[in-house]
């Protein structure tokens, strides 16, 4: 597994969080209308987005249970 470190400002962090959250919502809507193969790929992308959102929010102790 590779680790990526980003140095972002507070505004960039807020924008990244908002964009990722909107993308996740969009994927969750699309999930219902796709084939099983597409659903698997979409679930994987949602999982990656969740990991990024948790990191943007700080420590895992502060995570939102809705992200899992």
PDB file of N, CA and C in Angstrom:
ATOM      1  N   UNK A   1       0.844  -1.168   0.000  1.00  0.00           N
ATOM      2  CA  UNK A   1       0.000   0.000   0.000  1.00  0.00           C
ATOM      3  C   UNK A   1       0.890   1.232   0.000  1.00  0.00           C
ATOM      4  N   UNK A   2       0.535   2.225  -0.811  1.00  0.00           N
ATOM      5  CA  UNK A   2       1.295   3.463  -0.881  1.00  0.00           C
ATOM      6  C   UNK A   2       0.639   4.519  -0.016  1.00  0.00           C
ATOM      7  N   UNK A   3       1.472   5.395   0.475  1.00  0.00           N
ATOM      8  CA  UNK A   3       0.993   6.493   1.301  1.00  0.00           C
ATOM      9  C   UNK A   3       1.268   7.797   0.564  1.00  0.00           C
ATOM     10  N   UNK A   4       0.273   8.674   0.540  1.00  0.00           N
ATOM     11  CA  UNK A   4       0.402   9.971  -0.108  1.00  0.00           C
ATOM     12  C   UNK A   4       0.193  11.042   0.944  1.00  0.00           C
ATOM     13  N   UNK A   5       1.090  12.013   0.965  1.00  0.00           N
ATOM     14  CA  UNK A   5       0.956  13.121   1.903  1.00  0.00           C
ATOM     15  C   UNK A   5       0.655  14.387   1.120  1.00  0.00           C
ATOM     16  N   UNK A   6      -0.421  15.059   1.479  1.00  0.00           N
ATOM     17  CA  UNK A   6      -0.783  16.329   0.860  1.00  0.00           C
ATOM     18  C   UNK A   6      -0.680  17.430   1.897  1.00  0.00           C
ATOM     19  N   UNK A   7      -0.131  18.533   1.499  1.00  0.00           N
ATOM     20  CA  UNK A   7      -0.096  19.702   2.376  1.00  0.00           C
ATOM     21  C   UNK A   7      -1.087  20.703   1.804  1.00  0.00           C
ATOM     22  N   UNK A   8      -2.194  20.876   2.515  1.00  0.00           N
ATOM     23  CA  UNK A   8      -3.245  21.759   2.022  1.00  0.00           C
ATOM     24  C   UNK A   8      -3.641  22.752   3.103  1.00  0.00           C
ATOM     25  N   UNK A   9      -4.166  23.891   2.649  1.00  0.00           N
ATOM     26  CA  UNK A   9      -4.622  24.919   3.576  1.00  0.00           C
ATOM     27  C   UNK A   9      -6.024  24.580   4.061  1.00  0.00           C
ATOM     28  N   UNK A  10      -6.514  25.342   5.000  1.00  0.00           N
ATOM     29  CA  UNK A  10      -7.860  25.118   5.526  1.00  0.00           C
ATOM     30  C   UNK A  10      -8.928  25.209   4.455  1.00  0.00           C
ATOM     31  N   UNK A  11      -8.799  26.206   3.551  1.00  0.00           N
ATOM     32  CA  UNK A  11      -9.772  26.345   2.466  1.00  0.00           C
ATOM     33  C   UNK A  11      -9.704  25.161   1.511  1.00  0.00           C
ATOM     34  N   UNK A  12      -8.504  24.732   1.189  1.00  0.00           N
ATOM     35  CA  UNK A  12      -8.342  23.584   0.300  1.00  0.00           C
ATOM     36  C   UNK A  12      -8.907  22.324   0.939  1.00  0.00           C
ATOM     37  N   UNK A  13      -8.717  22.196   2.242  1.00  0.00           N
ATOM     38  CA  UNK A  13      -9.240  21.043   2.973  1.00  0.00           C
ATOM     39  C   UNK A  13     -10.763  21.035   2.929  1.00  0.00           C
ATOM     40  N   UNK A  14     -11.360  22.195   3.130  1.00  0.00           N
ATOM     41  CA  UNK A  14     -12.820  22.314   3.095  1.00  0.00           C
ATOM     42  C   UNK A  14     -13.354  21.970   1.710  1.00  0.00           C
ATOM     43  N   UNK A  15     -12.709  22.504   0.678  1.00  0.00           N
ATOM     44  CA  UNK A  15     -13.143  22.246  -0.697  1.00  0.00           C
ATOM     45  C   UNK A  15     -12.976  20.765  -1.045  1.00  0.00           C
ATOM     46  N   UNK A  16     -11.856  20.172  -0.655  1.00  0.00           N
ATOM     47  CA  UNK A  16     -11.628  18.743  -0.916  1.00  0.00           C
ATOM     48  C   UNK A  16     -12.697  17.901  -0.236  1.00  0.00           C
ATOM     49  N   UNK A  17     -13.007  18.224   1.016  1.00  0.00           N
ATOM     50  CA  UNK A  17     -14.022  17.476   1.753  1.00  0.00           C
ATOM     51  C   UNK A  17     -15.374  17.586   1.050  1.00  0.00           C
ATOM     52  N   UNK A  18     -15.753  18.813   0.661  1.00  0.00           N
ATOM     53  CA  UNK A  18     -17.043  19.013  -0.002  1.00  0.00           C
ATOM     54  C   UNK A  18     -17.115  18.256  -1.323  1.00  0.00           C
ATOM     55  N   UNK A  19     -16.049  18.326  -2.119  1.00  0.00           N
ATOM     56  CA  UNK A  19     -16.035  17.642  -3.418  1.00  0.00           C
ATOM     57  C   UNK A  19     -16.124  16.126  -3.259  1.00  0.00           C
ATOM     58  N   UNK A  20     -15.346  15.596  -2.327  1.00  0.00           N
ATOM     59  CA  UNK A  20     -15.377  14.148  -2.099  1.00  0.00           C
ATOM     60  C   UNK A  20     -16.735  13.697  -1.579  1.00  0.00           C
ATOM     61  N   UNK A  21     -17.322  14.491  -0.697  1.00  0.00           N
ATOM     62  CA  UNK A  21     -18.627  14.141  -0.141  1.00  0.00           C
ATOM     63  C   UNK A  21     -19.697  14.146  -1.238  1.00  0.00           C
ATOM     64  N   UNK A  22     -19.665  15.153  -2.112  1.00  0.00           N
ATOM     65  CA  UNK A  22     -20.624  15.210  -3.215  1.00  0.00           C
ATOM     66  C   UNK A  22     -20.418  14.048  -4.182  1.00  0.00           C
ATOM     67  N   UNK A  23     -19.168  13.714  -4.463  1.00  0.00           N
ATOM     68  CA  UNK A  23     -18.869  12.588  -5.355  1.00  0.00           C
ATOM     69  C   UNK A  23     -19.403  11.284  -4.764  1.00  0.00           C
ATOM     70  N   UNK A  24     -19.220  11.113  -3.462  1.00  0.00           N
ATOM     71  CA  UNK A  24     -19.706   9.906  -2.790  1.00  0.00           C
ATOM     72  C   UNK A  24     -21.229   9.811  -2.910  1.00  0.00           C
ATOM     73  N   UNK A  25     -21.927  10.930  -2.671  1.00  0.00           N
ATOM     74  CA  UNK A  25     -23.389  10.925  -2.786  1.00  0.00           C
ATOM     75  C   UNK A  25     -23.816  10.570  -4.200  1.00  0.00           C
ATOM     76  N   UNK A  26     -23.136  11.125  -5.198  1.00  0.00           N
ATOM     77  CA  UNK A  26     -23.447  10.839  -6.594  1.00  0.00           C
ATOM     78  C   UNK A  26     -23.250   9.356  -6.908  1.00  0.00           C
ATOM     79  N   UNK A  27     -22.173   8.778  -6.413  1.00  0.00           N
ATOM     80  CA  UNK A  27     -21.910   7.353  -6.640  1.00  0.00           C
ATOM     81  C   UNK A  27     -22.957   6.481  -5.968  1.00  0.00           C
ATOM     82  N   UNK A  28     -23.385   6.862  -4.773  1.00  0.00           N
ATOM     83  CA  UNK A  28     -24.389   6.069  -4.062  1.00  0.00           C
ATOM     84  C   UNK A  28     -25.704   6.037  -4.828  1.00  0.00           C
ATOM     85  N   UNK A  29     -26.048   7.133  -5.506  1.00  0.00           N
ATOM     86  CA  UNK A  29     -27.265   7.170  -6.317  1.00  0.00           C
ATOM     87  C   UNK A  29     -27.095   6.267  -7.542  1.00  0.00           C
ATOM     88  N   UNK A  30     -25.945   6.353  -8.200  1.00  0.00           N
ATOM     89  CA  UNK A  30     -25.680   5.547  -9.398  1.00  0.00           C
ATOM     90  C   UNK A  30     -25.598   4.056  -9.087  1.00  0.00           C
ATOM     91  N   UNK A  31     -25.227   3.720  -7.873  1.00  0.00           N
ATOM     92  CA  UNK A  31     -25.026   2.328  -7.475  1.00  0.00           C
ATOM     93  C   UNK A  31     -26.261   1.478  -7.750  1.00  0.00           C
ATOM     94  N   UNK A  32     -27.430   2.046  -7.560  1.00  0.00           N
ATOM     95  CA  UNK A  32     -28.681   1.289  -7.683  1.00  0.00           C
ATOM     96  C   UNK A  32     -29.019   0.923  -9.119  1.00  0.00           C
ATOM     97  N   UNK A  33     -28.512   1.687 -10.072  1.00  0.00           N
ATOM     98  CA  UNK A  33     -28.928   1.482 -11.456  1.00  0.00           C
ATOM     99  C   UNK A  33     -27.860   0.822 -12.331  1.00  0.00           C
ATOM    100  N   UNK A  34     -26.814   0.291 -11.729  1.00  0.00           N
ATOM    101  CA  UNK A  34     -25.717  -0.292 -12.500  1.00  0.00           C
ATOM    102  C   UNK A  34     -25.676  -1.810 -12.364  1.00  0.00           C
ATOM    103  N   UNK A  35     -24.938  -2.431 -13.273  1.00  0.00           N
ATOM    104  CA  UNK A  35     -24.770  -3.889 -13.243  1.00  0.00           C
ATOM    105  C   UNK A  35     -23.916  -4.291 -12.051  1.00  0.00           C
ATOM    106  N   UNK A  36     -23.865  -5.578 -11.778  1.00  0.00           N
ATOM    107  CA  UNK A  36     -23.102  -6.089 -10.636  1.00  0.00           C
ATOM    108  C   UNK A  36     -21.620  -5.720 -10.747  1.00  0.00           C
ATOM    109  N   UNK A  37     -21.062  -5.796 -11.955  1.00  0.00           N
ATOM    110  CA  UNK A  37     -19.644  -5.452 -12.139  1.00  0.00           C
ATOM    111  C   UNK A  37     -19.403  -3.977 -11.837  1.00  0.00           C
ATOM    112  N   UNK A  38     -20.287  -3.133 -12.351  1.00  0.00           N
ATOM    113  CA  UNK A  38     -20.162  -1.700 -12.086  1.00  0.00           C
ATOM    114  C   UNK A  38     -20.372  -1.399 -10.602  1.00  0.00           C
ATOM    115  N   UNK A  39     -21.307  -2.098  -9.979  1.00  0.00           N
ATOM    116  CA  UNK A  39     -21.557  -1.880  -8.549  1.00  0.00           C
ATOM    117  C   UNK A  39     -20.315  -2.183  -7.724  1.00  0.00           C
ATOM    118  N   UNK A  40     -19.592  -3.223  -8.093  1.00  0.00           N
ATOM    119  CA  UNK A  40     -18.371  -3.584  -7.377  1.00  0.00           C
ATOM    120  C   UNK A  40     -17.329  -2.473  -7.490  1.00  0.00           C
ATOM    121  N   UNK A  41     -17.156  -1.915  -8.686  1.00  0.00           N
ATOM    122  CA  UNK A  41     -16.201  -0.823  -8.889  1.00  0.00           C
ATOM    123  C   UNK A  41     -16.631   0.428  -8.132  1.00  0.00           C
ATOM    124  N   UNK A  42     -17.923   0.720  -8.149  1.00  0.00           N
ATOM    125  CA  UNK A  42     -18.443   1.897  -7.454  1.00  0.00           C
ATOM    126  C   UNK A  42     -18.258   1.745  -5.951  1.00  0.00           C
ATOM    127  N   UNK A  43     -18.520   0.555  -5.421  1.00  0.00           N
ATOM    128  CA  UNK A  43     -18.318   0.326  -3.981  1.00  0.00           C
ATOM    129  C   UNK A  43     -16.858   0.532  -3.589  1.00  0.00           C
ATOM    130  N   UNK A  44     -15.943   0.095  -4.447  1.00  0.00           N
ATOM    131  CA  UNK A  44     -14.515   0.274  -4.178  1.00  0.00           C
ATOM    132  C   UNK A  44     -14.160   1.765  -4.161  1.00  0.00           C
ATOM    133  N   UNK A  45     -14.689   2.521  -5.118  1.00  0.00           N
ATOM    134  CA  UNK A  45     -14.432   3.969  -5.151  1.00  0.00           C
ATOM    135  C   UNK A  45     -15.012   4.649  -3.913  1.00  0.00           C
ATOM    136  N   UNK A  46     -16.201   4.239  -3.495  1.00  0.00           N
ATOM    137  CA  UNK A  46     -16.812   4.800  -2.282  1.00  0.00           C
ATOM    138  C   UNK A  46     -15.939   4.496  -1.071  1.00  0.00           C
ATOM    139  N   UNK A  47     -15.387   3.287  -1.012  1.00  0.00           N
ATOM    140  CA  UNK A  47     -14.511   2.919   0.105  1.00  0.00           C
ATOM    141  C   UNK A  47     -13.274   3.818   0.141  1.00  0.00           C
ATOM    142  N   UNK A  48     -12.670   4.075  -1.013  1.00  0.00           N
ATOM    143  CA  UNK A  48     -11.509   4.959  -1.080  1.00  0.00           C
ATOM    144  C   UNK A  48     -11.871   6.384  -0.659  1.00  0.00           C
ATOM    145  N   UNK A  49     -13.018   6.860  -1.108  1.00  0.00           N
ATOM    146  CA  UNK A  49     -13.472   8.200  -0.727  1.00  0.00           C
ATOM    147  C   UNK A  49     -13.674   8.270   0.778  1.00  0.00           C
ATOM    148  N   UNK A  50     -14.261   7.233   1.356  1.00  0.00           N
ATOM    149  CA  UNK A  50     -14.460   7.207   2.810  1.00  0.00           C
ATOM    150  C   UNK A  50     -13.130   7.325   3.544  1.00  0.00           C
ATOM    151  N   UNK A  51     -12.112   6.615   3.066  1.00  0.00           N
ATOM    152  CA  UNK A  51     -10.798   6.682   3.702  1.00  0.00           C
ATOM    153  C   UNK A  51     -10.224   8.093   3.624  1.00  0.00           C
ATOM    154  N   UNK A  52     -10.382   8.736   2.477  1.00  0.00           N
ATOM    155  CA  UNK A  52      -9.900  10.110   2.330  1.00  0.00           C
ATOM    156  C   UNK A  52     -10.664  11.070   3.230  1.00  0.00           C
ATOM    157  N   UNK A  53     -11.976  10.901   3.307  1.00  0.00           N
ATOM    158  CA  UNK A  53     -12.783  11.776   4.155  1.00  0.00           C
ATOM    159  C   UNK A  53     -12.387  11.636   5.620  1.00  0.00           C
ATOM    160  N   UNK A  54     -12.136  10.414   6.057  1.00  0.00           N
ATOM    161  CA  UNK A  54     -11.714  10.190   7.443  1.00  0.00           C
ATOM    162  C   UNK A  54     -10.387  10.897   7.700  1.00  0.00           C
ATOM    163  N   UNK A  55      -9.459  10.796   6.763  1.00  0.00           N
ATOM    164  CA  UNK A  55      -8.168  11.461   6.939  1.00  0.00           C
ATOM    165  C   UNK A  55      -8.311  12.976   6.937  1.00  0.00           C
ATOM    166  N   UNK A  56      -9.184  13.506   6.104  1.00  0.00           N
ATOM    167  CA  UNK A  56      -9.400  14.951   6.074  1.00  0.00           C
ATOM    168  C   UNK A  56     -10.022  15.460   7.363  1.00  0.00           C
ATOM    169  N   UNK A  57     -10.814  14.606   8.005  1.00  0.00           N
ATOM    170  CA  UNK A  57     -11.486  15.021   9.238  1.00  0.00           C
ATOM    171  C   UNK A  57     -10.547  14.970  10.434  1.00  0.00           C
ATOM    172  N   UNK A  58      -9.375  14.406  10.285  1.00  0.00           N
ATOM    173  CA  UNK A  58      -8.450  14.313  11.414  1.00  0.00           C
ATOM    174  C   UNK A  58      -8.223  12.873  11.802  1.00  0.00           C
ATOM    175  N   UNK A  59      -8.255  12.594  13.076  1.00  0.00           N
ATOM    176  CA  UNK A  59      -7.999  11.235  13.554  1.00  0.00           C
ATOM    177  C   UNK A  59      -9.227  10.361  13.363  1.00  0.00           C
ATOM    178  N   UNK A  60      -9.007   9.066  13.349  1.00  0.00           N
ATOM    179  CA  UNK A  60     -10.117   8.128  13.192  1.00  0.00           C
ATOM    180  C   UNK A  60     -11.037   8.156  14.397  1.00  0.00           C
ATOM    181  N   UNK A  61     -10.555   8.684  15.508  1.00  0.00           N
ATOM    182  CA  UNK A  61     -11.395   8.774  16.702  1.00  0.00           C
ATOM    183  C   UNK A  61     -12.538   9.755  16.487  1.00  0.00           C
ATOM    184  N   UNK A  62     -12.387  10.629  15.494  1.00  0.00           N
ATOM    185  CA  UNK A  62     -13.405  11.639  15.235  1.00  0.00           C
ATOM    186  C   UNK A  62     -14.249  11.299  14.008  1.00  0.00           C
ATOM    187  N   UNK A  63     -14.158  10.074  13.527  1.00  0.00           N
ATOM    188  CA  UNK A  63     -14.847   9.745  12.288  1.00  0.00           C
ATOM    189  C   UNK A  63     -16.366   9.794  12.434  1.00  0.00           C
ATOM    190  N   UNK A  64     -16.996  10.009  11.300  1.00  0.00           N
ATOM    191  CA  UNK A  64     -18.449  10.004  11.213  1.00  0.00           C
ATOM    192  C   UNK A  64     -18.867   8.569  10.895  1.00  0.00           C
ATOM    193  N   UNK A  65     -19.705   7.932  11.718  1.00  0.00           N
ATOM    194  CA  UNK A  65     -20.099   6.542  11.446  1.00  0.00           C
ATOM    195  C   UNK A  65     -20.770   6.368  10.091  1.00  0.00           C
ATOM    196  N   UNK A  66     -21.312   7.432   9.524  1.00  0.00           N
ATOM    197  CA  UNK A  66     -21.968   7.344   8.220  1.00  0.00           C
ATOM    198  C   UNK A  66     -20.947   7.116   7.102  1.00  0.00           C
ATOM    199  N   UNK A  67     -19.669   7.332   7.364  1.00  0.00           N
ATOM    200  CA  UNK A  67     -18.653   7.148   6.338  1.00  0.00           C
ATOM    201  C   UNK A  67     -18.292   5.689   6.136  1.00  0.00           C
ATOM    202  N   UNK A  68     -18.598   4.833   7.091  1.00  0.00           N
ATOM    203  CA  UNK A  68     -18.180   3.433   6.998  1.00  0.00           C
ATOM    204  C   UNK A  68     -19.180   2.570   6.280  1.00  0.00           C
TER     205      UNK A  68
END
